[in-house]
Amino acid sequence: MFVLRGTLVCLSIFAMLYISLSVVIAGLWRRVFVWGQRSMQQRRADFLFGLRVIPLAAAAAVTLSLAVPSFLMLEPRGARESTGMIPLVFGIIGSALILAGLWNAAAAWVLASRMHAEWSREARVLCPSLVEGRRLVPVLRTFRAAPPLTAAGIFRPTVWLSHAAQQVLSEGELRSALKHEAVHVLHRDNLRKLMMRAVAFPGMSGLESAWRETAEMAADDAAVDSASEALDLAAAVIKLSQLALLQPAVELTTALVHSPAASVNARVERLVGWTERRLQRESSFSVGYALCAAAVGIATMATTYGALLIRVHAATEWLVR
């Protein structure tokens, strides 16, 4: 009974925190996001992704660092306490949330793996690798039905180029488009998509769409270093947007063109209006604030940990009753 009661209590705390934070973020993310309209696109994309995974990360952190230790250390093992309806109901909800997230992520992984296997048939290496920073990104051409240009894979990502896309793009357009996909690989955007599938929650589709669009703009900015490269990438987006209608994007991939027409038009306008001034302004970013905030949080947690355990245990006692 001790183990069962502790499991239900911890799952209840996880479910309450996860649902509460998800509801708050689903309702307020647009108001928070508008404050960062002038920030660089990659920073905005990271911020949106952070908002999306905060419910799971915070709920799991509180459960594992506070709820579990407080129950194990402060709950008498010989106590004969009955488990009330609240821990039972929320314990079931917490288990359902975890299992549903794992199921969604696994289903997306299996579907993406099947498509990759299909594309791999008769695939040919287009070039030994695409060098972006210190990362080597393999580029393969496939004659199978596939999106025109997409980055696929989680731990060993690969850039896939369809035969039709290679035929319609010029050398400069292809080079800029490949750099765009390499940026997605470096930012682990497919892994982020997998994590979003694992934290599915009603009302989050708008936040996820905003993240996808912002991540595309961030990759656009990182892929170009001059006005000519920006024009090449804009031309590639326009050309491949016609081919993308024939082969829609697949789960856990980052295709060059997969967004609605309005988003594609916005990307093209940004690329046509590219300036060095914008690039220089957006490139300056320091992680000092984040490190300071993390240090303060860790120090606060270390000095108040014992008191927090007592308060959390008191809350779990109320929950059980």
C-alpha atoms as a PDB file:
ATOM      1  CA  MET A   1       0.000   0.000   0.000  1.00  0.00           C
ATOM      2  CA  PHE A   2       2.872   2.365   0.735  1.00  0.00           C
ATOM      3  CA  VAL A   3       4.257   2.088  -2.794  1.00  0.00           C
ATOM      4  CA  LEU A   4       0.817   2.301  -4.393  1.00  0.00           C
ATOM      5  CA  ARG A   5      -0.163   5.327  -2.311  1.00  0.00           C
ATOM      6  CA  GLY A   6       3.108   7.070  -3.078  1.00  0.00           C
ATOM      7  CA  THR A   7       2.782   6.374  -6.803  1.00  0.00           C
ATOM      8  CA  LEU A   8      -0.757   7.753  -6.924  1.00  0.00           C
ATOM      9  CA  VAL A   9       0.202  10.854  -4.937  1.00  0.00           C
ATOM     10  CA  CYS A  10       3.202  11.624  -7.151  1.00  0.00           C
ATOM     11  CA  LEU A  11       1.215  11.033 -10.342  1.00  0.00           C
ATOM     12  CA  SER A  12      -1.515  13.309  -8.984  1.00  0.00           C
ATOM     13  CA  ILE A  13       0.943  16.131  -8.365  1.00  0.00           C
ATOM     14  CA  PHE A  14       2.392  15.632 -11.851  1.00  0.00           C
ATOM     15  CA  ALA A  15      -1.069  15.710 -13.474  1.00  0.00           C
ATOM     16  CA  MET A  16      -2.209  18.803 -11.550  1.00  0.00           C
ATOM     17  CA  LEU A  17       0.902  20.767 -12.416  1.00  0.00           C
ATOM     18  CA  TYR A  18       0.982  19.606 -16.036  1.00  0.00           C
ATOM     19  CA  ILE A  19      -2.669  20.457 -16.703  1.00  0.00           C
ATOM     20  CA  SER A  20      -2.567  23.791 -14.849  1.00  0.00           C
ATOM     21  CA  LEU A  21       0.570  25.008 -16.615  1.00  0.00           C
ATOM     22  CA  SER A  22      -0.681  23.815 -20.002  1.00  0.00           C
ATOM     23  CA  VAL A  23      -3.956  25.705 -19.600  1.00  0.00           C
ATOM     24  CA  VAL A  24      -2.123  28.880 -18.552  1.00  0.00           C
ATOM     25  CA  ILE A  25       0.347  28.728 -21.439  1.00  0.00           C
ATOM     26  CA  ALA A  26      -2.349  27.870 -23.997  1.00  0.00           C
ATOM     27  CA  GLY A  27      -4.266  30.975 -22.944  1.00  0.00           C
ATOM     28  CA  LEU A  28      -1.430  33.463 -22.510  1.00  0.00           C
ATOM     29  CA  TRP A  29       1.368  32.542 -24.935  1.00  0.00           C
ATOM     30  CA  ARG A  30       0.275  35.060 -27.590  1.00  0.00           C
ATOM     31  CA  ARG A  31       0.405  37.956 -25.118  1.00  0.00           C
ATOM     32  CA  VAL A  32       3.821  36.905 -23.883  1.00  0.00           C
ATOM     33  CA  PHE A  33       5.167  36.248 -27.366  1.00  0.00           C
ATOM     34  CA  VAL A  34       4.241  39.695 -28.687  1.00  0.00           C
ATOM     35  CA  TRP A  35       6.812  41.241 -26.332  1.00  0.00           C
ATOM     36  CA  GLY A  36       9.611  39.609 -28.328  1.00  0.00           C
ATOM     37  CA  GLN A  37       8.598  40.734 -31.815  1.00  0.00           C
ATOM     38  CA  ARG A  38      11.877  42.613 -32.290  1.00  0.00           C
ATOM     39  CA  SER A  39      14.084  39.750 -31.130  1.00  0.00           C
ATOM     40  CA  MET A  40      16.071  37.576 -33.503  1.00  0.00           C
ATOM     41  CA  GLN A  41      14.078  34.747 -34.998  1.00  0.00           C
ATOM     42  CA  GLN A  42      16.142  31.959 -33.432  1.00  0.00           C
ATOM     43  CA  ARG A  43      15.661  33.474 -29.999  1.00  0.00           C
ATOM     44  CA  ARG A  44      11.922  33.677 -30.634  1.00  0.00           C
ATOM     45  CA  ALA A  45      11.841  30.055 -31.795  1.00  0.00           C
ATOM     46  CA  ASP A  46      13.721  28.913 -28.691  1.00  0.00           C
ATOM     47  CA  PHE A  47      11.337  30.908 -26.522  1.00  0.00           C
ATOM     48  CA  LEU A  48       8.266  29.320 -28.125  1.00  0.00           C
ATOM     49  CA  PHE A  49       9.739  25.849 -27.787  1.00  0.00           C
ATOM     50  CA  GLY A  50      10.540  26.548 -24.139  1.00  0.00           C
ATOM     51  CA  LEU A  51       6.953  27.612 -23.511  1.00  0.00           C
ATOM     52  CA  ARG A  52       5.706  24.441 -25.171  1.00  0.00           C
ATOM     53  CA  VAL A  53       7.738  22.053 -23.011  1.00  0.00           C
ATOM     54  CA  ILE A  54       7.527  24.008 -19.737  1.00  0.00           C
ATOM     55  CA  PRO A  55       4.449  22.083 -18.483  1.00  0.00           C
ATOM     56  CA  LEU A  56       6.167  18.707 -18.821  1.00  0.00           C
ATOM     57  CA  ALA A  57       9.573  19.915 -17.633  1.00  0.00           C
ATOM     58  CA  ALA A  58       8.210  21.767 -14.598  1.00  0.00           C
ATOM     59  CA  ALA A  59       5.772  19.022 -13.612  1.00  0.00           C
ATOM     60  CA  ALA A  60       8.436  16.331 -13.928  1.00  0.00           C
ATOM     61  CA  ALA A  61      11.034  18.419 -12.044  1.00  0.00           C
ATOM     62  CA  VAL A  62       8.737  19.175  -9.114  1.00  0.00           C
ATOM     63  CA  THR A  63       7.515  15.584  -8.942  1.00  0.00           C
ATOM     64  CA  LEU A  64      10.966  13.994  -9.045  1.00  0.00           C
ATOM     65  CA  SER A  65      12.835  16.547  -6.928  1.00  0.00           C
ATOM     66  CA  LEU A  66      10.191  17.331  -4.307  1.00  0.00           C
ATOM     67  CA  ALA A  67       7.134  15.064  -4.329  1.00  0.00           C
ATOM     68  CA  VAL A  68       8.973  11.735  -4.506  1.00  0.00           C
ATOM     69  CA  PRO A  69      11.689  12.579  -1.906  1.00  0.00           C
ATOM     70  CA  SER A  70       9.194  14.157   0.500  1.00  0.00           C
ATOM     71  CA  PHE A  71       6.981  11.079   0.407  1.00  0.00           C
ATOM     72  CA  LEU A  72       9.865   8.625   0.801  1.00  0.00           C
ATOM     73  CA  MET A  73      11.569  10.564   3.593  1.00  0.00           C
ATOM     74  CA  LEU A  74       8.640  11.917   5.595  1.00  0.00           C
ATOM     75  CA  GLU A  75       5.780   9.482   5.082  1.00  0.00           C
ATOM     76  CA  PRO A  76       5.633   6.750   7.783  1.00  0.00           C
ATOM     77  CA  ARG A  77       5.846   3.365   6.125  1.00  0.00           C
ATOM     78  CA  GLY A  78       3.740   1.692   8.753  1.00  0.00           C
ATOM     79  CA  ALA A  79       0.876   4.178   8.513  1.00  0.00           C
ATOM     80  CA  ARG A  80      -2.461   2.640   7.563  1.00  0.00           C
ATOM     81  CA  GLU A  81      -3.958   5.460   5.561  1.00  0.00           C
ATOM     82  CA  SER A  82      -6.590   4.978   2.913  1.00  0.00           C
ATOM     83  CA  THR A  83      -6.136   6.563  -0.488  1.00  0.00           C
ATOM     84  CA  GLY A  84      -8.878   9.054  -1.287  1.00  0.00           C
ATOM     85  CA  MET A  85     -10.631   9.647  -4.587  1.00  0.00           C
ATOM     86  CA  ILE A  86      -8.559  12.699  -5.530  1.00  0.00           C
ATOM     87  CA  PRO A  87      -5.213  10.833  -5.698  1.00  0.00           C
ATOM     88  CA  LEU A  88      -6.926   7.933  -7.469  1.00  0.00           C
ATOM     89  CA  VAL A  89      -8.534  10.107 -10.157  1.00  0.00           C
ATOM     90  CA  PHE A  90      -5.557  12.351 -10.780  1.00  0.00           C
ATOM     91  CA  GLY A  91      -3.197   9.389 -10.571  1.00  0.00           C
ATOM     92  CA  ILE A  92      -5.083   7.761 -13.437  1.00  0.00           C
ATOM     93  CA  ILE A  93      -5.043  11.047 -15.367  1.00  0.00           C
ATOM     94  CA  GLY A  94      -1.297  11.408 -14.816  1.00  0.00           C
ATOM     95  CA  SER A  95      -0.683   7.859 -16.046  1.00  0.00           C
ATOM     96  CA  ALA A  96      -2.886   8.526 -19.095  1.00  0.00           C
ATOM     97  CA  LEU A  97      -0.964  11.710 -19.924  1.00  0.00           C
ATOM     98  CA  ILE A  98       2.379   9.924 -19.779  1.00  0.00           C
ATOM     99  CA  LEU A  99       1.197   6.925 -21.807  1.00  0.00           C
ATOM    100  CA  ALA A 100      -0.522   9.139 -24.395  1.00  0.00           C
ATOM    101  CA  GLY A 101       2.636  11.195 -24.861  1.00  0.00           C
ATOM    102  CA  LEU A 102       4.773   8.100 -25.308  1.00  0.00           C
ATOM    103  CA  TRP A 103       2.245   6.655 -27.767  1.00  0.00           C
ATOM    104  CA  ASN A 104       2.135   9.854 -29.860  1.00  0.00           C
ATOM    105  CA  ALA A 105       5.911  10.083 -30.007  1.00  0.00           C
ATOM    106  CA  ALA A 106       6.318   6.396 -30.868  1.00  0.00           C
ATOM    107  CA  ALA A 107       3.647   6.563 -33.599  1.00  0.00           C
ATOM    108  CA  ALA A 108       5.321   9.582 -35.203  1.00  0.00           C
ATOM    109  CA  TRP A 109       8.713   7.871 -34.998  1.00  0.00           C
ATOM    110  CA  VAL A 110       7.426   4.703 -36.666  1.00  0.00           C
ATOM    111  CA  LEU A 111       5.728   6.640 -39.465  1.00  0.00           C
ATOM    112  CA  ALA A 112       8.828   8.719 -40.131  1.00  0.00           C
ATOM    113  CA  SER A 113      11.038   5.607 -40.121  1.00  0.00           C
ATOM    114  CA  ARG A 114       8.829   3.956 -42.723  1.00  0.00           C
ATOM    115  CA  MET A 115       9.006   6.979 -44.988  1.00  0.00           C
ATOM    116  CA  HIS A 116      12.789   7.185 -44.623  1.00  0.00           C
ATOM    117  CA  ALA A 117      13.072   3.538 -45.610  1.00  0.00           C
ATOM    118  CA  GLU A 118      10.935   4.234 -48.681  1.00  0.00           C
ATOM    119  CA  TRP A 119      13.052   7.215 -49.696  1.00  0.00           C
ATOM    120  CA  SER A 120      16.256   5.212 -49.208  1.00  0.00           C
ATOM    121  CA  ARG A 121      15.393   2.867 -52.057  1.00  0.00           C
ATOM    122  CA  GLU A 122      17.480   3.854 -55.078  1.00  0.00           C
ATOM    123  CA  ALA A 123      18.799   6.898 -53.188  1.00  0.00           C
ATOM    124  CA  ARG A 124      22.145   8.331 -54.247  1.00  0.00           C
ATOM    125  CA  VAL A 125      24.617  10.537 -52.402  1.00  0.00           C
ATOM    126  CA  LEU A 126      24.451  13.955 -53.997  1.00  0.00           C
ATOM    127  CA  CYS A 127      27.677  15.154 -52.399  1.00  0.00           C
ATOM    128  CA  PRO A 128      29.938  13.672 -49.710  1.00  0.00           C
ATOM    129  CA  SER A 129      28.538  16.036 -47.066  1.00  0.00           C
ATOM    130  CA  LEU A 130      27.361  19.540 -46.460  1.00  0.00           C
ATOM    131  CA  VAL A 131      29.621  21.374 -44.054  1.00  0.00           C
ATOM    132  CA  GLU A 132      27.843  23.838 -41.763  1.00  0.00           C
ATOM    133  CA  GLY A 133      30.006  25.034 -38.903  1.00  0.00           C
ATOM    134  CA  ARG A 134      31.557  21.887 -37.442  1.00  0.00           C
ATOM    135  CA  ARG A 135      28.775  19.540 -38.428  1.00  0.00           C
ATOM    136  CA  LEU A 136      28.784  17.198 -41.434  1.00  0.00           C
ATOM    137  CA  VAL A 137      25.309  16.763 -42.881  1.00  0.00           C
ATOM    138  CA  PRO A 138      24.893  14.030 -45.528  1.00  0.00           C
ATOM    139  CA  VAL A 139      22.838  15.023 -48.577  1.00  0.00           C
ATOM    140  CA  LEU A 140      21.038  12.312 -50.553  1.00  0.00           C
ATOM    141  CA  ARG A 141      18.958  12.473 -53.718  1.00  0.00           C
ATOM    142  CA  THR A 142      15.937  10.241 -53.975  1.00  0.00           C
ATOM    143  CA  PHE A 143      13.884   9.329 -57.018  1.00  0.00           C
ATOM    144  CA  ARG A 144      10.999   8.187 -54.826  1.00  0.00           C
ATOM    145  CA  ALA A 145       7.918  10.244 -53.964  1.00  0.00           C
ATOM    146  CA  ALA A 146       9.240  12.595 -51.278  1.00  0.00           C
ATOM    147  CA  PRO A 147       9.024  16.261 -50.314  1.00  0.00           C
ATOM    148  CA  PRO A 148      11.226  18.403 -52.607  1.00  0.00           C
ATOM    149  CA  LEU A 149      13.807  19.193 -49.918  1.00  0.00           C
ATOM    150  CA  THR A 150      13.669  18.107 -46.315  1.00  0.00           C
ATOM    151  CA  ALA A 151      15.835  17.258 -43.314  1.00  0.00           C
ATOM    152  CA  ALA A 152      14.846  13.951 -41.730  1.00  0.00           C
ATOM    153  CA  GLY A 153      16.122  11.890 -38.825  1.00  0.00           C
ATOM    154  CA  ILE A 154      16.598  12.500 -35.107  1.00  0.00           C
ATOM    155  CA  PHE A 155      20.014  11.235 -34.047  1.00  0.00           C
ATOM    156  CA  ARG A 156      21.567  10.766 -37.495  1.00  0.00           C
ATOM    157  CA  PRO A 157      19.800  13.433 -39.556  1.00  0.00           C
ATOM    158  CA  THR A 158      20.076  13.534 -43.329  1.00  0.00           C
ATOM    159  CA  VAL A 159      19.038  16.088 -45.928  1.00  0.00           C
ATOM    160  CA  TRP A 160      16.897  14.580 -48.701  1.00  0.00           C
ATOM    161  CA  LEU A 161      16.592  16.176 -52.121  1.00  0.00           C
ATOM    162  CA  SER A 162      14.064  14.954 -54.664  1.00  0.00           C
ATOM    163  CA  HIS A 163      15.016  14.543 -58.304  1.00  0.00           C
ATOM    164  CA  ALA A 164      12.354  17.079 -59.329  1.00  0.00           C
ATOM    165  CA  ALA A 165      13.717  19.705 -56.931  1.00  0.00           C
ATOM    166  CA  GLN A 166      17.245  19.285 -58.242  1.00  0.00           C
ATOM    167  CA  GLN A 167      15.995  19.836 -61.781  1.00  0.00           C
ATOM    168  CA  VAL A 168      14.231  23.146 -61.080  1.00  0.00           C
ATOM    169  CA  LEU A 169      16.824  24.795 -58.798  1.00  0.00           C
ATOM    170  CA  SER A 170      19.881  26.639 -60.015  1.00  0.00           C
ATOM    171  CA  GLU A 171      23.261  26.043 -58.401  1.00  0.00           C
ATOM    172  CA  GLY A 172      23.004  29.094 -56.153  1.00  0.00           C
ATOM    173  CA  GLU A 173      19.407  28.335 -55.173  1.00  0.00           C
ATOM    174  CA  LEU A 174      20.286  24.749 -54.328  1.00  0.00           C
ATOM    175  CA  ARG A 175      23.256  25.820 -52.231  1.00  0.00           C
ATOM    176  CA  SER A 176      21.176  28.284 -50.192  1.00  0.00           C
ATOM    177  CA  ALA A 177      18.352  25.771 -49.763  1.00  0.00           C
ATOM    178  CA  LEU A 178      20.763  23.101 -48.521  1.00  0.00           C
ATOM    179  CA  LYS A 179      22.249  25.548 -46.015  1.00  0.00           C
ATOM    180  CA  HIS A 180      18.727  26.236 -44.764  1.00  0.00           C
ATOM    181  CA  GLU A 181      18.128  22.546 -44.107  1.00  0.00           C
ATOM    182  CA  ALA A 182      21.541  22.186 -42.471  1.00  0.00           C
ATOM    183  CA  VAL A 183      20.522  24.879 -39.978  1.00  0.00           C
ATOM    184  CA  HIS A 184      17.491  22.782 -39.013  1.00  0.00           C
ATOM    185  CA  VAL A 185      19.827  19.848 -38.413  1.00  0.00           C
ATOM    186  CA  LEU A 186      22.156  21.923 -36.240  1.00  0.00           C
ATOM    187  CA  HIS A 187      19.239  23.218 -34.175  1.00  0.00           C
ATOM    188  CA  ARG A 188      17.829  19.700 -33.678  1.00  0.00           C
ATOM    189  CA  ASP A 189      14.406  20.853 -34.879  1.00  0.00           C
ATOM    190  CA  ASN A 190      13.258  17.305 -35.651  1.00  0.00           C
ATOM    191  CA  LEU A 191      14.057  16.276 -32.084  1.00  0.00           C
ATOM    192  CA  ARG A 192      12.052  19.259 -30.886  1.00  0.00           C
ATOM    193  CA  LYS A 193       9.116  18.119 -33.005  1.00  0.00           C
ATOM    194  CA  LEU A 194       9.352  14.679 -31.416  1.00  0.00           C
ATOM    195  CA  MET A 195       9.303  16.244 -27.957  1.00  0.00           C
ATOM    196  CA  MET A 196       6.230  18.268 -28.886  1.00  0.00           C
ATOM    197  CA  ARG A 197       4.453  15.090 -29.916  1.00  0.00           C
ATOM    198  CA  ALA A 198       5.234  13.689 -26.468  1.00  0.00           C
ATOM    199  CA  VAL A 199       3.588  16.657 -24.711  1.00  0.00           C
ATOM    200  CA  ALA A 200       0.378  16.817 -26.745  1.00  0.00           C
ATOM    201  CA  PHE A 201      -2.355  18.885 -25.099  1.00  0.00           C
ATOM    202  CA  PRO A 202      -5.596  20.436 -26.424  1.00  0.00           C
ATOM    203  CA  GLY A 203      -5.326  24.096 -27.423  1.00  0.00           C
ATOM    204  CA  MET A 204      -1.591  24.061 -28.175  1.00  0.00           C
ATOM    205  CA  SER A 205      -1.837  23.854 -31.984  1.00  0.00           C
ATOM    206  CA  GLY A 206      -1.500  27.634 -32.364  1.00  0.00           C
ATOM    207  CA  LEU A 207       1.688  27.707 -30.298  1.00  0.00           C
ATOM    208  CA  GLU A 208       3.164  24.796 -32.248  1.00  0.00           C
ATOM    209  CA  SER A 209       2.335  26.419 -35.597  1.00  0.00           C
ATOM    210  CA  ALA A 210       3.946  29.674 -34.463  1.00  0.00           C
ATOM    211  CA  TRP A 211       7.081  27.760 -33.460  1.00  0.00           C
ATOM    212  CA  ARG A 212       7.291  26.011 -36.847  1.00  0.00           C
ATOM    213  CA  GLU A 213       6.945  29.284 -38.755  1.00  0.00           C
ATOM    214  CA  THR A 214       9.462  31.069 -36.531  1.00  0.00           C
ATOM    215  CA  ALA A 215      11.931  28.173 -36.851  1.00  0.00           C
ATOM    216  CA  GLU A 216      11.688  28.437 -40.652  1.00  0.00           C
ATOM    217  CA  MET A 217      12.449  32.158 -40.538  1.00  0.00           C
ATOM    218  CA  ALA A 218      15.345  31.515 -38.165  1.00  0.00           C
ATOM    219  CA  ALA A 219      16.784  28.965 -40.590  1.00  0.00           C
ATOM    220  CA  ASP A 220      16.311  31.454 -43.440  1.00  0.00           C
ATOM    221  CA  ASP A 221      18.293  34.108 -41.563  1.00  0.00           C
ATOM    222  CA  ALA A 222      21.090  31.721 -40.616  1.00  0.00           C
ATOM    223  CA  ALA A 223      21.396  30.341 -44.165  1.00  0.00           C
ATOM    224  CA  VAL A 224      22.137  33.632 -45.934  1.00  0.00           C
ATOM    225  CA  ASP A 225      25.110  35.968 -45.601  1.00  0.00           C
ATOM    226  CA  SER A 226      24.419  38.366 -48.449  1.00  0.00           C
ATOM    227  CA  ALA A 227      21.577  39.863 -50.443  1.00  0.00           C
ATOM    228  CA  SER A 228      22.315  37.574 -53.398  1.00  0.00           C
ATOM    229  CA  GLU A 229      22.071  34.465 -51.195  1.00  0.00           C
ATOM    230  CA  ALA A 230      18.811  35.765 -49.750  1.00  0.00           C
ATOM    231  CA  LEU A 231      17.385  36.194 -53.254  1.00  0.00           C
ATOM    232  CA  ASP A 232      18.547  32.689 -54.189  1.00  0.00           C
ATOM    233  CA  LEU A 233      16.802  31.230 -51.143  1.00  0.00           C
ATOM    234  CA  ALA A 234      13.644  33.231 -51.882  1.00  0.00           C
ATOM    235  CA  ALA A 235      13.626  31.875 -55.427  1.00  0.00           C
ATOM    236  CA  ALA A 236      14.108  28.332 -54.104  1.00  0.00           C
ATOM    237  CA  VAL A 237      11.181  28.735 -51.708  1.00  0.00           C
ATOM    238  CA  ILE A 238       8.949  29.976 -54.522  1.00  0.00           C
ATOM    239  CA  LYS A 239       9.919  27.171 -56.890  1.00  0.00           C
ATOM    240  CA  LEU A 240       9.652  24.377 -54.342  1.00  0.00           C
ATOM    241  CA  SER A 241       6.342  25.667 -53.017  1.00  0.00           C
ATOM    242  CA  GLN A 242       4.810  24.406 -56.274  1.00  0.00           C
ATOM    243  CA  LEU A 243       6.363  20.974 -55.885  1.00  0.00           C
ATOM    244  CA  ALA A 244       5.398  20.781 -52.182  1.00  0.00           C
ATOM    245  CA  LEU A 245       1.742  20.673 -53.176  1.00  0.00           C
ATOM    246  CA  LEU A 246       2.352  17.285 -54.803  1.00  0.00           C
ATOM    247  CA  GLN A 247       4.233  15.730 -51.876  1.00  0.00           C
ATOM    248  CA  PRO A 248       3.212  17.024 -48.429  1.00  0.00           C
ATOM    249  CA  ALA A 249       5.671  17.008 -45.541  1.00  0.00           C
ATOM    250  CA  VAL A 250       6.078  13.965 -43.314  1.00  0.00           C
ATOM    251  CA  GLU A 251       6.065  13.745 -39.517  1.00  0.00           C
ATOM    252  CA  LEU A 252       9.334  14.616 -37.763  1.00  0.00           C
ATOM    253  CA  THR A 253      10.875  16.296 -40.826  1.00  0.00           C
ATOM    254  CA  THR A 254      11.691  19.915 -41.611  1.00  0.00           C
ATOM    255  CA  ALA A 255      10.884  20.578 -45.245  1.00  0.00           C
ATOM    256  CA  LEU A 256      11.995  23.811 -46.887  1.00  0.00           C
ATOM    257  CA  VAL A 257       8.355  24.509 -47.792  1.00  0.00           C
ATOM    258  CA  HIS A 258       5.552  23.031 -45.705  1.00  0.00           C
ATOM    259  CA  SER A 259       3.761  26.051 -44.247  1.00  0.00           C
ATOM    260  CA  PRO A 260       0.550  27.745 -45.390  1.00  0.00           C
ATOM    261  CA  ALA A 261       0.752  30.169 -48.314  1.00  0.00           C
ATOM    262  CA  ALA A 262       0.622  33.217 -46.035  1.00  0.00           C
ATOM    263  CA  SER A 263       3.687  32.024 -44.121  1.00  0.00           C
ATOM    264  CA  VAL A 264       5.576  31.268 -47.344  1.00  0.00           C
ATOM    265  CA  ASN A 265       4.794  34.762 -48.640  1.00  0.00           C
ATOM    266  CA  ALA A 266       6.025  36.306 -45.409  1.00  0.00           C
ATOM    267  CA  ARG A 267       9.299  34.381 -45.662  1.00  0.00           C
ATOM    268  CA  VAL A 268       9.814  35.463 -49.261  1.00  0.00           C
ATOM    269  CA  GLU A 269       9.185  39.115 -48.353  1.00  0.00           C
ATOM    270  CA  ARG A 270      11.716  38.927 -45.518  1.00  0.00           C
ATOM    271  CA  LEU A 271      14.336  37.392 -47.792  1.00  0.00           C
ATOM    272  CA  VAL A 272      13.781  39.931 -50.558  1.00  0.00           C
ATOM    273  CA  GLY A 273      14.158  42.718 -47.980  1.00  0.00           C
ATOM    274  CA  TRP A 274      17.332  41.215 -46.468  1.00  0.00           C
ATOM    275  CA  THR A 275      19.888  43.718 -45.165  1.00  0.00           C
ATOM    276  CA  GLU A 276      23.225  43.387 -43.385  1.00  0.00           C
ATOM    277  CA  ARG A 277      21.977  45.767 -40.708  1.00  0.00           C
ATOM    278  CA  ARG A 278      19.291  43.302 -39.675  1.00  0.00           C
ATOM    279  CA  LEU A 279      21.791  40.448 -39.573  1.00  0.00           C
ATOM    280  CA  GLN A 280      24.216  42.398 -37.382  1.00  0.00           C
ATOM    281  CA  ARG A 281      21.496  43.533 -34.978  1.00  0.00           C
ATOM    282  CA  GLU A 282      20.117  40.047 -34.512  1.00  0.00           C
ATOM    283  CA  SER A 283      23.491  38.322 -34.128  1.00  0.00           C
ATOM    284  CA  SER A 284      24.293  39.929 -30.765  1.00  0.00           C
ATOM    285  CA  PHE A 285      23.032  37.754 -27.946  1.00  0.00           C
ATOM    286  CA  SER A 286      24.467  36.809 -24.591  1.00  0.00           C
ATOM    287  CA  VAL A 287      23.558  33.844 -22.402  1.00  0.00           C
ATOM    288  CA  GLY A 288      24.735  35.635 -19.277  1.00  0.00           C
ATOM    289  CA  TYR A 289      21.216  36.399 -18.068  1.00  0.00           C
ATOM    290  CA  ALA A 290      20.171  32.775 -18.419  1.00  0.00           C
ATOM    291  CA  LEU A 291      23.245  31.549 -16.525  1.00  0.00           C
ATOM    292  CA  CYS A 292      22.684  34.054 -13.727  1.00  0.00           C
ATOM    293  CA  ALA A 293      19.041  33.050 -13.419  1.00  0.00           C
ATOM    294  CA  ALA A 294      20.016  29.372 -13.281  1.00  0.00           C
ATOM    295  CA  ALA A 295      22.640  30.039 -10.605  1.00  0.00           C
ATOM    296  CA  VAL A 296      20.153  31.976  -8.469  1.00  0.00           C
ATOM    297  CA  GLY A 297      17.572  29.218  -8.845  1.00  0.00           C
ATOM    298  CA  ILE A 298      20.024  26.489  -7.824  1.00  0.00           C
ATOM    299  CA  ALA A 299      21.248  28.488  -4.817  1.00  0.00           C
ATOM    300  CA  THR A 300      17.692  29.175  -3.678  1.00  0.00           C
ATOM    301  CA  MET A 301      16.753  25.530  -4.053  1.00  0.00           C
ATOM    302  CA  ALA A 302      19.799  24.392  -2.076  1.00  0.00           C
ATOM    303  CA  THR A 303      19.113  26.700   0.884  1.00  0.00           C
ATOM    304  CA  THR A 304      15.381  26.011   1.130  1.00  0.00           C
ATOM    305  CA  TYR A 305      15.228  22.347   0.118  1.00  0.00           C
ATOM    306  CA  GLY A 306      14.455  20.957   3.568  1.00  0.00           C
ATOM    307  CA  ALA A 307      11.625  23.420   4.174  1.00  0.00           C
ATOM    308  CA  LEU A 308      10.218  22.746   0.710  1.00  0.00           C
ATOM    309  CA  LEU A 309      10.111  19.002   1.383  1.00  0.00           C
ATOM    310  CA  ILE A 310       8.123  19.575   4.588  1.00  0.00           C
ATOM    311  CA  ARG A 311       5.619  21.835   2.836  1.00  0.00           C
ATOM    312  CA  VAL A 312       5.218  19.479  -0.107  1.00  0.00           C
ATOM    313  CA  HIS A 313       4.625  16.580   2.254  1.00  0.00           C
ATOM    314  CA  ALA A 314       1.978  18.617   4.078  1.00  0.00           C
ATOM    315  CA  ALA A 315       0.293  19.268   0.727  1.00  0.00           C
ATOM    316  CA  THR A 316       0.340  15.577  -0.134  1.00  0.00           C
ATOM    317  CA  GLU A 317      -1.176  14.759   3.251  1.00  0.00           C
ATOM    318  CA  TRP A 318      -4.057  17.119   2.447  1.00  0.00           C
ATOM    319  CA  LEU A 319      -4.358  15.536  -0.979  1.00  0.00           C
ATOM    320  CA  VAL A 320      -4.701  12.041   0.443  1.00  0.00           C
ATOM    321  CA  ARG A 321      -7.367  13.091   2.946  1.00  0.00           C
END
